[in-house]
Amino acid sequence: MIGGEGQSKLMDAKVLCIGAGGLGSPVAMYLAAAGVGTLGILDFDTVDLTNLQRQILHDTADVGRPKVDSAAERLQAINPNVDVVKHNTVLTSENAFDILGRYDVIVDGTDNFPVRYLVNDATQMLGKPLV
């Protein structure tokens, strides 16, 4: 049981979910439903028909749209009080510290090893928890 104090901590939390695909979609939905106050979504891709069977934030009406836009709409529908921050960009060594530095916790929902290594290195240097 989280209780009132725990719920207040969730409302104050800033979590970045890197990836709005097969891994990031359910994580973001659960975080929004749990009451995380600020939820960043970082993804550069658009929704494709082949994504829909595993990426539960998106549906057929979203095909061709940026994943961050589709995700933000769905997350706001789940919890209108969550502040969804969209990062429609590729994570690189040039922008990683600026973006990741704004959040308390980083969730890696990526699907490739170079970005996972970058996220790991950046969170270690920033002293941020990585899930």
N, C-alpha and C. Protein backbone atom coordinates (compact mmCIF):
# COMPACT_ATOMS: atom_id res chain seq x y z
N MET A 1 0.84 -1.18 0.00
CA MET A 1 0.00 0.00 0.00
C MET A 1 0.89 1.24 0.00
N ILE A 2 0.60 2.15 -0.88
CA ILE A 2 1.40 3.36 -1.04
C ILE A 2 1.04 4.40 0.01
N GLY A 3 -0.22 4.62 0.25
CA GLY A 3 -0.65 5.59 1.24
C GLY A 3 -0.53 7.02 0.73
N GLY A 4 -0.96 7.95 1.56
CA GLY A 4 -0.97 9.36 1.19
C GLY A 4 0.41 9.94 0.95
N GLU A 5 1.36 9.59 1.83
CA GLU A 5 2.72 10.11 1.68
C GLU A 5 3.37 9.58 0.40
N GLY A 6 3.17 8.30 0.13
CA GLY A 6 3.72 7.71 -1.09
C GLY A 6 3.10 8.31 -2.34
N GLN A 7 1.80 8.56 -2.30
CA GLN A 7 1.13 9.16 -3.46
C GLN A 7 1.64 10.57 -3.70
N SER A 8 1.92 11.31 -2.63
CA SER A 8 2.49 12.65 -2.77
C SER A 8 3.86 12.60 -3.43
N LYS A 9 4.65 11.60 -3.06
CA LYS A 9 5.97 11.44 -3.69
C LYS A 9 5.84 11.12 -5.17
N LEU A 10 4.87 10.29 -5.51
CA LEU A 10 4.63 9.99 -6.93
C LEU A 10 4.23 11.24 -7.69
N MET A 11 3.36 12.06 -7.11
CA MET A 11 2.92 13.28 -7.78
C MET A 11 4.07 14.25 -7.99
N ASP A 12 5.06 14.22 -7.12
CA ASP A 12 6.22 15.11 -7.24
C ASP A 12 7.30 14.54 -8.15
N ALA A 13 7.18 13.28 -8.52
CA ALA A 13 8.23 12.60 -9.29
C ALA A 13 8.23 13.02 -10.76
N LYS A 14 9.44 13.03 -11.32
CA LYS A 14 9.64 13.30 -12.75
C LYS A 14 10.36 12.10 -13.34
N VAL A 15 9.64 11.36 -14.20
CA VAL A 15 10.17 10.13 -14.77
C VAL A 15 10.25 10.28 -16.28
N LEU A 16 11.38 9.88 -16.85
CA LEU A 16 11.54 9.88 -18.30
C LEU A 16 11.49 8.45 -18.80
N CYS A 17 10.61 8.20 -19.73
CA CYS A 17 10.51 6.90 -20.38
C CYS A 17 11.11 7.04 -21.78
N ILE A 18 12.23 6.38 -22.00
CA ILE A 18 12.89 6.44 -23.30
C ILE A 18 12.35 5.30 -24.15
N GLY A 19 11.57 5.66 -25.15
CA GLY A 19 10.92 4.70 -26.02
C GLY A 19 9.44 4.61 -25.72
N ALA A 20 8.63 4.70 -26.77
CA ALA A 20 7.17 4.58 -26.63
C ALA A 20 6.69 3.41 -27.47
N GLY A 21 7.47 2.33 -27.44
CA GLY A 21 7.15 1.14 -28.22
C GLY A 21 6.70 0.00 -27.35
N GLY A 22 7.18 -1.19 -27.68
CA GLY A 22 6.76 -2.41 -27.00
C GLY A 22 7.09 -2.44 -25.53
N LEU A 23 8.22 -1.87 -25.13
CA LEU A 23 8.59 -1.82 -23.71
C LEU A 23 8.06 -0.56 -23.03
N GLY A 24 8.26 0.58 -23.68
CA GLY A 24 7.89 1.85 -23.08
C GLY A 24 6.39 2.07 -22.94
N SER A 25 5.60 1.53 -23.87
CA SER A 25 4.15 1.75 -23.82
C SER A 25 3.51 1.29 -22.52
N PRO A 26 3.67 0.03 -22.13
CA PRO A 26 3.02 -0.38 -20.88
C PRO A 26 3.61 0.30 -19.65
N VAL A 27 4.91 0.55 -19.67
CA VAL A 27 5.53 1.24 -18.52
C VAL A 27 4.92 2.62 -18.35
N ALA A 28 4.82 3.37 -19.45
CA ALA A 28 4.26 4.72 -19.39
C ALA A 28 2.81 4.70 -18.92
N MET A 29 2.04 3.73 -19.39
CA MET A 29 0.64 3.63 -18.97
C MET A 29 0.53 3.39 -17.47
N TYR A 30 1.33 2.47 -16.96
CA TYR A 30 1.29 2.19 -15.52
C TYR A 30 1.76 3.38 -14.70
N LEU A 31 2.77 4.08 -15.17
CA LEU A 31 3.27 5.25 -14.44
C LEU A 31 2.21 6.36 -14.40
N ALA A 32 1.55 6.59 -15.53
CA ALA A 32 0.49 7.60 -15.57
C ALA A 32 -0.66 7.20 -14.65
N ALA A 33 -1.06 5.95 -14.71
CA ALA A 33 -2.16 5.47 -13.87
C ALA A 33 -1.80 5.53 -12.38
N ALA A 34 -0.53 5.32 -12.07
CA ALA A 34 -0.09 5.35 -10.67
C ALA A 34 -0.06 6.76 -10.10
N GLY A 35 -0.04 7.77 -10.97
CA GLY A 35 -0.06 9.15 -10.49
C GLY A 35 1.26 9.87 -10.53
N VAL A 36 2.21 9.40 -11.34
CA VAL A 36 3.46 10.14 -11.49
C VAL A 36 3.12 11.54 -12.02
N GLY A 37 3.70 12.56 -11.42
CA GLY A 37 3.35 13.93 -11.75
C GLY A 37 3.84 14.40 -13.10
N THR A 38 5.09 14.12 -13.42
CA THR A 38 5.66 14.51 -14.71
C THR A 38 6.22 13.27 -15.38
N LEU A 39 5.76 13.02 -16.59
CA LEU A 39 6.17 11.85 -17.34
C LEU A 39 6.69 12.29 -18.70
N GLY A 40 8.01 12.18 -18.87
CA GLY A 40 8.61 12.49 -20.16
C GLY A 40 8.58 11.27 -21.05
N ILE A 41 8.29 11.50 -22.32
CA ILE A 41 8.29 10.43 -23.32
C ILE A 41 9.27 10.84 -24.41
N LEU A 42 10.29 10.01 -24.62
CA LEU A 42 11.27 10.29 -25.65
C LEU A 42 11.21 9.19 -26.71
N ASP A 43 10.89 9.59 -27.94
CA ASP A 43 10.87 8.67 -29.08
C ASP A 43 10.87 9.52 -30.34
N PHE A 44 11.58 9.09 -31.36
CA PHE A 44 11.67 9.85 -32.60
C PHE A 44 10.83 9.23 -33.71
N ASP A 45 10.22 8.09 -33.46
CA ASP A 45 9.58 7.30 -34.50
C ASP A 45 8.11 7.66 -34.66
N THR A 46 7.53 7.18 -35.75
CA THR A 46 6.10 7.31 -35.98
C THR A 46 5.44 5.95 -35.82
N VAL A 47 4.15 5.98 -35.55
CA VAL A 47 3.39 4.74 -35.37
C VAL A 47 3.22 4.06 -36.73
N ASP A 48 3.52 2.78 -36.76
CA ASP A 48 3.38 1.95 -37.96
C ASP A 48 2.35 0.85 -37.67
N LEU A 49 1.66 0.42 -38.70
CA LEU A 49 0.66 -0.63 -38.53
C LEU A 49 1.25 -1.87 -37.88
N THR A 50 2.50 -2.18 -38.19
CA THR A 50 3.14 -3.37 -37.63
C THR A 50 3.44 -3.25 -36.14
N ASN A 51 3.33 -2.04 -35.58
CA ASN A 51 3.57 -1.82 -34.16
C ASN A 51 2.39 -2.19 -33.27
N LEU A 52 1.22 -2.19 -33.83
CA LEU A 52 0.00 -2.15 -33.01
C LEU A 52 -0.24 -3.38 -32.15
N GLN A 53 0.24 -4.54 -32.53
CA GLN A 53 -0.05 -5.73 -31.73
C GLN A 53 0.74 -5.75 -30.42
N ARG A 54 1.77 -4.92 -30.31
CA ARG A 54 2.59 -4.94 -29.09
C ARG A 54 2.77 -3.57 -28.44
N GLN A 55 2.37 -2.52 -29.11
CA GLN A 55 2.56 -1.17 -28.58
C GLN A 55 1.21 -0.60 -28.18
N ILE A 56 0.83 -0.84 -26.94
CA ILE A 56 -0.54 -0.63 -26.49
C ILE A 56 -0.94 0.83 -26.29
N LEU A 57 -0.02 1.76 -26.43
CA LEU A 57 -0.39 3.17 -26.35
C LEU A 57 -0.99 3.68 -27.66
N HIS A 58 -0.83 2.92 -28.73
CA HIS A 58 -1.21 3.40 -30.06
C HIS A 58 -2.29 2.51 -30.66
N ASP A 59 -3.10 3.10 -31.56
CA ASP A 59 -4.10 2.30 -32.27
C ASP A 59 -4.11 2.69 -33.75
N THR A 60 -5.02 2.12 -34.52
CA THR A 60 -5.00 2.31 -35.97
C THR A 60 -5.14 3.78 -36.38
N ALA A 61 -5.86 4.56 -35.62
CA ALA A 61 -6.01 5.98 -35.95
C ALA A 61 -4.70 6.74 -35.81
N ASP A 62 -3.72 6.16 -35.11
CA ASP A 62 -2.44 6.83 -34.88
C ASP A 62 -1.38 6.52 -35.93
N VAL A 63 -1.66 5.60 -36.84
CA VAL A 63 -0.66 5.22 -37.84
C VAL A 63 -0.18 6.46 -38.60
N GLY A 64 1.14 6.63 -38.65
CA GLY A 64 1.75 7.77 -39.31
C GLY A 64 2.04 8.95 -38.39
N ARG A 65 1.47 8.95 -37.21
CA ARG A 65 1.69 10.04 -36.26
C ARG A 65 2.95 9.80 -35.46
N PRO A 66 3.58 10.86 -34.96
CA PRO A 66 4.70 10.67 -34.04
C PRO A 66 4.24 9.91 -32.79
N LYS A 67 5.04 8.96 -32.37
CA LYS A 67 4.68 8.16 -31.20
C LYS A 67 4.52 9.01 -29.95
N VAL A 68 5.31 10.08 -29.82
CA VAL A 68 5.18 10.92 -28.62
C VAL A 68 3.83 11.61 -28.58
N ASP A 69 3.28 11.98 -29.73
CA ASP A 69 1.97 12.63 -29.76
C ASP A 69 0.86 11.65 -29.40
N SER A 70 0.91 10.48 -30.01
CA SER A 70 -0.07 9.44 -29.71
C SER A 70 -0.01 9.03 -28.24
N ALA A 71 1.21 8.84 -27.75
CA ALA A 71 1.40 8.45 -26.35
C ALA A 71 0.87 9.52 -25.40
N ALA A 72 1.19 10.77 -25.68
CA ALA A 72 0.75 11.86 -24.80
C ALA A 72 -0.77 11.90 -24.69
N GLU A 73 -1.45 11.75 -25.82
CA GLU A 73 -2.92 11.78 -25.79
C GLU A 73 -3.48 10.63 -24.95
N ARG A 74 -2.94 9.44 -25.15
CA ARG A 74 -3.45 8.28 -24.41
C ARG A 74 -3.16 8.43 -22.92
N LEU A 75 -1.97 8.90 -22.58
CA LEU A 75 -1.61 9.04 -21.16
C LEU A 75 -2.46 10.10 -20.48
N GLN A 76 -2.76 11.20 -21.18
CA GLN A 76 -3.62 12.24 -20.62
C GLN A 76 -5.04 11.73 -20.43
N ALA A 77 -5.48 10.81 -21.31
CA ALA A 77 -6.80 10.21 -21.15
C ALA A 77 -6.85 9.31 -19.91
N ILE A 78 -5.74 8.64 -19.63
CA ILE A 78 -5.66 7.77 -18.45
C ILE A 78 -5.63 8.61 -17.18
N ASN A 79 -4.84 9.69 -17.21
CA ASN A 79 -4.69 10.54 -16.03
C ASN A 79 -4.52 11.99 -16.49
N PRO A 80 -5.59 12.78 -16.47
CA PRO A 80 -5.50 14.16 -16.93
C PRO A 80 -4.58 15.04 -16.09
N ASN A 81 -4.19 14.56 -14.92
CA ASN A 81 -3.31 15.36 -14.05
C ASN A 81 -1.83 15.15 -14.31
N VAL A 82 -1.48 14.16 -15.14
CA VAL A 82 -0.07 13.93 -15.43
C VAL A 82 0.41 14.98 -16.44
N ASP A 83 1.58 15.53 -16.18
CA ASP A 83 2.22 16.48 -17.10
C ASP A 83 3.10 15.67 -18.03
N VAL A 84 2.64 15.46 -19.27
CA VAL A 84 3.40 14.69 -20.24
C VAL A 84 4.30 15.64 -21.03
N VAL A 85 5.60 15.37 -20.98
CA VAL A 85 6.58 16.17 -21.71
C VAL A 85 7.06 15.34 -22.89
N LYS A 86 6.85 15.86 -24.10
CA LYS A 86 7.20 15.12 -25.31
C LYS A 86 8.60 15.50 -25.79
N HIS A 87 9.40 14.48 -26.05
CA HIS A 87 10.73 14.66 -26.64
C HIS A 87 10.74 13.87 -27.94
N ASN A 88 10.39 14.53 -29.04
CA ASN A 88 10.34 13.88 -30.35
C ASN A 88 11.71 14.03 -31.00
N THR A 89 12.65 13.24 -30.52
CA THR A 89 14.04 13.37 -30.96
C THR A 89 14.78 12.06 -30.77
N VAL A 90 15.91 11.96 -31.43
CA VAL A 90 16.83 10.84 -31.21
C VAL A 90 17.71 11.21 -30.03
N LEU A 91 17.92 10.30 -29.11
CA LEU A 91 18.82 10.55 -27.99
C LEU A 91 20.25 10.36 -28.47
N THR A 92 21.07 11.39 -28.26
CA THR A 92 22.47 11.36 -28.70
C THR A 92 23.36 11.81 -27.55
N SER A 93 24.65 11.66 -27.74
CA SER A 93 25.59 12.14 -26.72
C SER A 93 25.53 13.66 -26.59
N GLU A 94 25.05 14.35 -27.62
CA GLU A 94 24.94 15.81 -27.57
C GLU A 94 23.75 16.28 -26.73
N ASN A 95 22.66 15.51 -26.69
CA ASN A 95 21.48 15.98 -25.96
C ASN A 95 21.13 15.15 -24.71
N ALA A 96 21.83 14.05 -24.50
CA ALA A 96 21.48 13.13 -23.41
C ALA A 96 21.52 13.79 -22.04
N PHE A 97 22.57 14.52 -21.74
CA PHE A 97 22.70 15.12 -20.41
C PHE A 97 21.63 16.18 -20.17
N ASP A 98 21.33 16.97 -21.19
CA ASP A 98 20.31 18.00 -21.05
C ASP A 98 18.94 17.39 -20.79
N ILE A 99 18.59 16.37 -21.57
CA ILE A 99 17.26 15.76 -21.42
C ILE A 99 17.17 14.94 -20.14
N LEU A 100 18.09 14.02 -19.93
CA LEU A 100 18.03 13.14 -18.77
C LEU A 100 18.19 13.90 -17.45
N GLY A 101 18.92 14.99 -17.48
CA GLY A 101 19.16 15.77 -16.27
C GLY A 101 17.91 16.40 -15.67
N ARG A 102 16.84 16.49 -16.43
CA ARG A 102 15.60 17.10 -15.96
C ARG A 102 14.72 16.16 -15.14
N TYR A 103 15.09 14.88 -15.09
CA TYR A 103 14.22 13.87 -14.50
C TYR A 103 14.86 13.22 -13.28
N ASP A 104 14.00 12.66 -12.41
CA ASP A 104 14.45 11.98 -11.20
C ASP A 104 14.84 10.53 -11.48
N VAL A 105 14.08 9.88 -12.35
CA VAL A 105 14.28 8.47 -12.67
C VAL A 105 14.18 8.31 -14.18
N ILE A 106 15.03 7.45 -14.73
CA ILE A 106 15.04 7.18 -16.17
C ILE A 106 14.64 5.73 -16.39
N VAL A 107 13.70 5.50 -17.30
CA VAL A 107 13.26 4.15 -17.67
C VAL A 107 13.73 3.89 -19.09
N ASP A 108 14.49 2.81 -19.27
CA ASP A 108 15.00 2.46 -20.59
C ASP A 108 14.05 1.48 -21.27
N GLY A 109 13.31 1.99 -22.24
CA GLY A 109 12.42 1.16 -23.04
C GLY A 109 12.88 1.10 -24.48
N THR A 110 14.19 1.22 -24.68
CA THR A 110 14.74 1.24 -26.04
C THR A 110 14.86 -0.17 -26.61
N ASP A 111 15.13 -0.21 -27.90
CA ASP A 111 15.24 -1.50 -28.57
C ASP A 111 16.58 -1.68 -29.29
N ASN A 112 17.59 -0.90 -28.88
CA ASN A 112 18.90 -1.09 -29.50
C ASN A 112 20.01 -0.84 -28.49
N PHE A 113 21.09 -1.58 -28.66
CA PHE A 113 22.16 -1.54 -27.67
C PHE A 113 22.96 -0.24 -27.65
N PRO A 114 23.25 0.42 -28.78
CA PRO A 114 24.01 1.68 -28.67
C PRO A 114 23.31 2.71 -27.79
N VAL A 115 21.99 2.84 -27.93
CA VAL A 115 21.27 3.81 -27.10
C VAL A 115 21.23 3.34 -25.65
N ARG A 116 21.09 2.06 -25.43
CA ARG A 116 21.10 1.54 -24.05
C ARG A 116 22.43 1.84 -23.37
N TYR A 117 23.52 1.67 -24.09
CA TYR A 117 24.83 2.00 -23.52
C TYR A 117 24.94 3.49 -23.23
N LEU A 118 24.44 4.32 -24.14
CA LEU A 118 24.45 5.77 -23.93
C LEU A 118 23.64 6.13 -22.70
N VAL A 119 22.45 5.57 -22.57
CA VAL A 119 21.58 5.86 -21.42
C VAL A 119 22.26 5.41 -20.13
N ASN A 120 22.85 4.24 -20.14
CA ASN A 120 23.55 3.74 -18.96
C ASN A 120 24.69 4.68 -18.56
N ASP A 121 25.51 5.06 -19.52
CA ASP A 121 26.64 5.95 -19.22
C ASP A 121 26.16 7.30 -18.70
N ALA A 122 25.16 7.88 -19.37
CA ALA A 122 24.67 9.20 -18.97
C ALA A 122 24.04 9.17 -17.58
N THR A 123 23.25 8.15 -17.28
CA THR A 123 22.63 8.09 -15.95
C THR A 123 23.67 7.88 -14.86
N GLN A 124 24.70 7.10 -15.16
CA GLN A 124 25.78 6.91 -14.19
C GLN A 124 26.48 8.23 -13.90
N MET A 125 26.78 8.98 -14.95
CA MET A 125 27.47 10.27 -14.78
C MET A 125 26.60 11.30 -14.07
N LEU A 126 25.29 11.23 -14.32
CA LEU A 126 24.36 12.17 -13.68
C LEU A 126 23.91 11.72 -12.30
N GLY A 127 24.21 10.49 -11.94
CA GLY A 127 23.76 9.95 -10.65
C GLY A 127 22.27 9.72 -10.60
N LYS A 128 21.67 9.38 -11.74
CA LYS A 128 20.22 9.16 -11.82
C LYS A 128 19.93 7.66 -11.79
N PRO A 129 18.87 7.25 -11.11
CA PRO A 129 18.47 5.84 -11.15
C PRO A 129 18.00 5.46 -12.54
N LEU A 130 18.41 4.28 -12.99
CA LEU A 130 18.01 3.76 -14.30
C LEU A 130 17.27 2.45 -14.10
N VAL A 131 16.08 2.39 -14.67
CA VAL A 131 15.27 1.17 -14.62
C VAL A 131 15.20 0.60 -16.02
